Protein backbone atom coordinates (compact mmCIF):
# COMPACT_ATOMS: atom_id res chain seq x y z
CA MET A 1 -43.80 2.07 -80.07
CA LEU A 2 -45.25 -0.03 -77.39
CA VAL A 3 -44.92 1.18 -73.84
CA ILE A 4 -44.72 -1.48 -71.04
CA ALA A 5 -44.95 0.70 -68.18
CA GLU A 6 -46.02 4.17 -68.46
CA SER A 7 -44.52 5.23 -65.21
CA ASN A 8 -41.08 4.24 -66.24
CA SER A 9 -41.51 5.26 -69.74
CA LEU A 10 -39.67 2.17 -71.12
CA TYR A 11 -40.18 1.34 -74.65
CA VAL A 12 -39.78 -2.24 -76.02
CA GLY A 13 -37.38 -1.05 -78.64
CA ASP A 14 -35.12 0.48 -75.99
CA MET A 15 -35.44 -2.63 -73.97
CA LEU A 16 -34.45 -4.84 -76.92
CA PHE A 17 -31.45 -2.53 -77.63
CA TYR A 18 -30.35 -2.70 -73.98
CA LEU A 19 -30.84 -6.56 -74.02
CA ILE A 20 -28.81 -7.00 -77.19
CA SER A 21 -26.21 -4.53 -75.95
CA PHE A 22 -25.90 -6.44 -72.73
CA ILE A 23 -25.69 -9.87 -74.45
CA LEU A 24 -23.03 -8.53 -76.89
CA THR A 25 -21.12 -6.95 -74.00
CA ALA A 26 -21.34 -10.15 -71.92
CA LEU A 27 -20.19 -12.24 -75.00
CA LEU A 28 -17.25 -9.84 -75.64
CA VAL A 29 -16.30 -9.82 -71.98
CA TRP A 30 -16.62 -13.64 -71.93
CA HIS A 31 -14.49 -14.10 -75.03
CA TYR A 32 -11.83 -11.43 -74.46
CA VAL A 33 -11.68 -11.16 -70.65
CA TRP A 34 -13.28 -14.15 -69.04
CA LYS A 35 -11.55 -16.79 -71.16
CA PRO A 36 -8.06 -15.41 -70.82
CA VAL A 37 -8.50 -14.75 -67.05
CA THR A 38 -9.72 -18.28 -66.50
CA GLY A 39 -7.03 -19.68 -68.70
CA MET A 40 -4.40 -17.62 -66.77
CA MET A 41 -5.96 -18.77 -63.44
CA GLU A 42 -5.83 -22.44 -64.62
CA LYS A 43 -2.15 -22.05 -65.73
CA ARG A 44 -1.37 -20.53 -62.41
CA ALA A 45 -3.28 -23.39 -60.54
CA LYS A 46 -1.31 -25.97 -62.57
CA THR A 47 1.96 -24.18 -61.82
CA VAL A 48 1.19 -24.01 -58.14
CA ALA A 49 0.20 -27.72 -58.11
CA GLN A 50 3.47 -28.56 -59.92
CA ASP A 51 5.46 -26.50 -57.42
CA ILE A 52 3.76 -28.22 -54.51
CA ASP A 53 4.52 -31.60 -56.16
CA SER A 54 8.04 -30.63 -56.77
CA ALA A 55 8.38 -29.43 -53.23
CA LYS A 56 6.94 -32.69 -51.89
CA GLN A 57 9.30 -34.65 -54.16
CA ALA A 58 12.34 -32.56 -53.01
CA ARG A 59 11.25 -33.04 -49.36
CA MET A 60 11.11 -36.80 -49.90
CA GLU A 61 14.42 -36.88 -51.60
CA ALA A 62 15.94 -34.71 -48.82
CA THR A 63 14.40 -37.10 -46.19
CA GLU A 64 15.78 -40.10 -48.04
CA LEU A 65 19.20 -38.39 -48.42
CA ALA A 66 19.25 -37.48 -44.75
CA ALA A 67 18.46 -41.10 -43.84
CA LYS A 68 21.26 -42.27 -46.08
CA ARG A 69 23.61 -39.86 -44.43
CA ARG A 70 22.56 -40.91 -41.01
CA ALA A 71 23.08 -44.57 -41.84
CA GLN A 72 26.44 -43.77 -43.38
CA LEU A 73 27.35 -41.78 -40.14
CA GLU A 74 26.22 -44.66 -38.00
CA GLY A 75 28.21 -47.08 -40.16
CA SER A 76 31.27 -44.77 -39.92
CA GLN A 77 30.94 -44.59 -36.21
CA ALA A 78 30.67 -48.37 -35.94
CA GLU A 79 33.67 -48.81 -38.20
CA ALA A 80 35.69 -46.32 -36.22
CA ALA A 81 34.77 -48.10 -32.97
CA GLN A 82 35.75 -51.42 -34.57
CA ILE A 83 39.16 -49.86 -35.70
CA VAL A 84 39.78 -48.59 -32.21
CA ASP A 85 38.98 -51.93 -30.61
CA GLN A 86 41.21 -53.67 -33.21
CA ALA A 87 44.02 -51.24 -32.45
CA LYS A 88 43.65 -51.83 -28.74
CA LYS A 89 43.80 -55.53 -29.28
CA SER A 90 46.74 -55.25 -31.54
CA ALA A 91 48.59 -53.01 -28.99
CA GLN A 92 47.76 -55.50 -26.19
CA THR A 93 49.02 -58.37 -28.27
CA GLN A 94 52.21 -56.41 -29.19
CA GLY A 95 52.66 -55.40 -25.58
CA ASP A 96 52.30 -59.11 -24.44
CA GLN A 97 54.88 -60.14 -27.09
CA ILE A 98 57.37 -57.32 -25.95
CA VAL A 99 56.93 -58.49 -22.35
CA ALA A 100 57.39 -62.11 -23.23
CA ALA A 101 60.45 -61.26 -25.38
CA ALA A 102 61.90 -59.15 -22.53
CA GLN A 103 61.30 -61.98 -20.00
CA ALA A 104 62.95 -64.59 -22.38
CA ASP A 105 65.89 -62.08 -22.82
CA ALA A 106 66.16 -61.65 -19.04
CA GLN A 107 66.11 -65.35 -18.49
CA ASN A 108 68.73 -65.87 -21.13
CA LEU A 109 70.91 -63.16 -19.59
CA LYS A 110 70.40 -64.80 -16.17
CA GLU A 111 71.39 -68.16 -17.49
CA GLN A 112 74.41 -66.65 -19.28
CA ALA A 113 75.41 -64.73 -16.08
CA GLN A 114 75.15 -68.01 -14.13
CA ARG A 115 77.27 -69.80 -16.72
CA ASP A 116 79.85 -66.97 -16.72
CA ALA A 117 79.89 -66.93 -12.93
CA LYS A 118 80.41 -70.70 -12.89
CA GLN A 119 83.06 -70.49 -15.51
CA ALA A 120 84.73 -67.68 -13.69
CA ARG A 121 84.63 -69.80 -10.44
CA GLU A 122 86.18 -72.77 -12.22
CA ASP A 123 88.77 -70.55 -13.71
CA ALA A 124 89.57 -68.96 -10.37
CA LEU A 125 89.75 -72.43 -8.74
CA ARG A 126 92.04 -73.63 -11.57
CA GLY A 127 94.24 -70.57 -11.03
CA ALA A 128 94.18 -71.00 -7.34
CA LYS A 129 95.02 -74.64 -7.86
CA ASP A 130 97.94 -73.74 -10.00
CA ASP A 131 99.08 -71.03 -7.62
CA VAL A 132 98.66 -73.31 -4.58
CA ALA A 133 100.57 -76.05 -6.41
CA ASN A 134 103.41 -73.80 -7.16
CA LEU A 135 103.45 -72.31 -3.70
CA SER A 136 103.20 -75.71 -1.97
CA ILE A 137 106.12 -76.97 -4.14
CA GLU A 138 108.17 -74.10 -3.25
CA ILE A 139 107.31 -74.42 0.47
CA ALA A 140 107.83 -78.20 0.38
CA SER A 141 111.09 -77.92 -1.43
CA LYS A 142 112.35 -75.33 1.02
CA LEU A 143 111.27 -77.46 3.96
CA ILE A 144 112.45 -80.81 2.73
CA GLN A 145 115.15 -79.46 0.67
CA LYS A 146 114.37 -81.98 -1.93
CA GLN A 147 112.44 -81.97 -5.11
CA LEU A 148 109.16 -83.78 -5.25
CA ASN A 149 108.38 -85.65 -8.51
CA ALA A 150 105.52 -84.36 -10.73
CA ASP A 151 103.14 -87.14 -9.88
CA ASP A 152 103.52 -86.69 -6.05
CA GLN A 153 103.16 -83.02 -6.51
CA LYS A 154 99.94 -83.36 -8.57
CA ALA A 155 98.44 -85.82 -5.96
CA LEU A 156 99.22 -83.42 -3.25
CA ILE A 157 97.63 -80.48 -5.02
CA ASP A 158 94.49 -82.37 -5.95
CA SER A 159 93.87 -83.41 -2.43
CA TYR A 160 94.39 -79.86 -1.20
CA ILE A 161 91.91 -78.55 -3.86
CA GLU A 162 89.34 -81.20 -3.01
CA GLY A 163 89.58 -80.10 0.57
CA LEU A 164 89.06 -76.46 -0.55
CA VAL A 165 86.08 -77.35 -2.71
CA LYS A 166 84.46 -79.44 0.08
CA HIS A 167 85.12 -76.59 2.48
CA GLU A 168 83.37 -73.99 0.28
CA SER A 169 80.30 -76.12 -0.43
């Protein structure tokens, strides 16, 4: 065989064998190892990319949901404040109505008491008038020893009562 370099003692046949063995080994490694490893790496890269996209989507959804919750909470707080204000206004209105009703009742009671007092005064004056009339008839009949007729007696009593009423006023 042909020798390329004598110092190394390489023969062309050995070199061809090594070259063919290397190429066959490279092809076998490429076909059975490199392709599956690169396919596995590509799958892994796709999975990681999908996980990242899913995480981004989940983060966006969570952000949107948090914003919705925040808006609902603010709406609830505003509604609660409105309910409290409405309750305060209702309580104030109801309190004003109660006070007005109490004042009206007090005024009615006062007027009724004044009417009752006036009626009691008139009844007392009538009673006093009758008592005075009877007493004056008795006194007059004892003093004069004679009986006054009813018209004279009534006129005497009326003049006496008028004097009492003018005296009290």
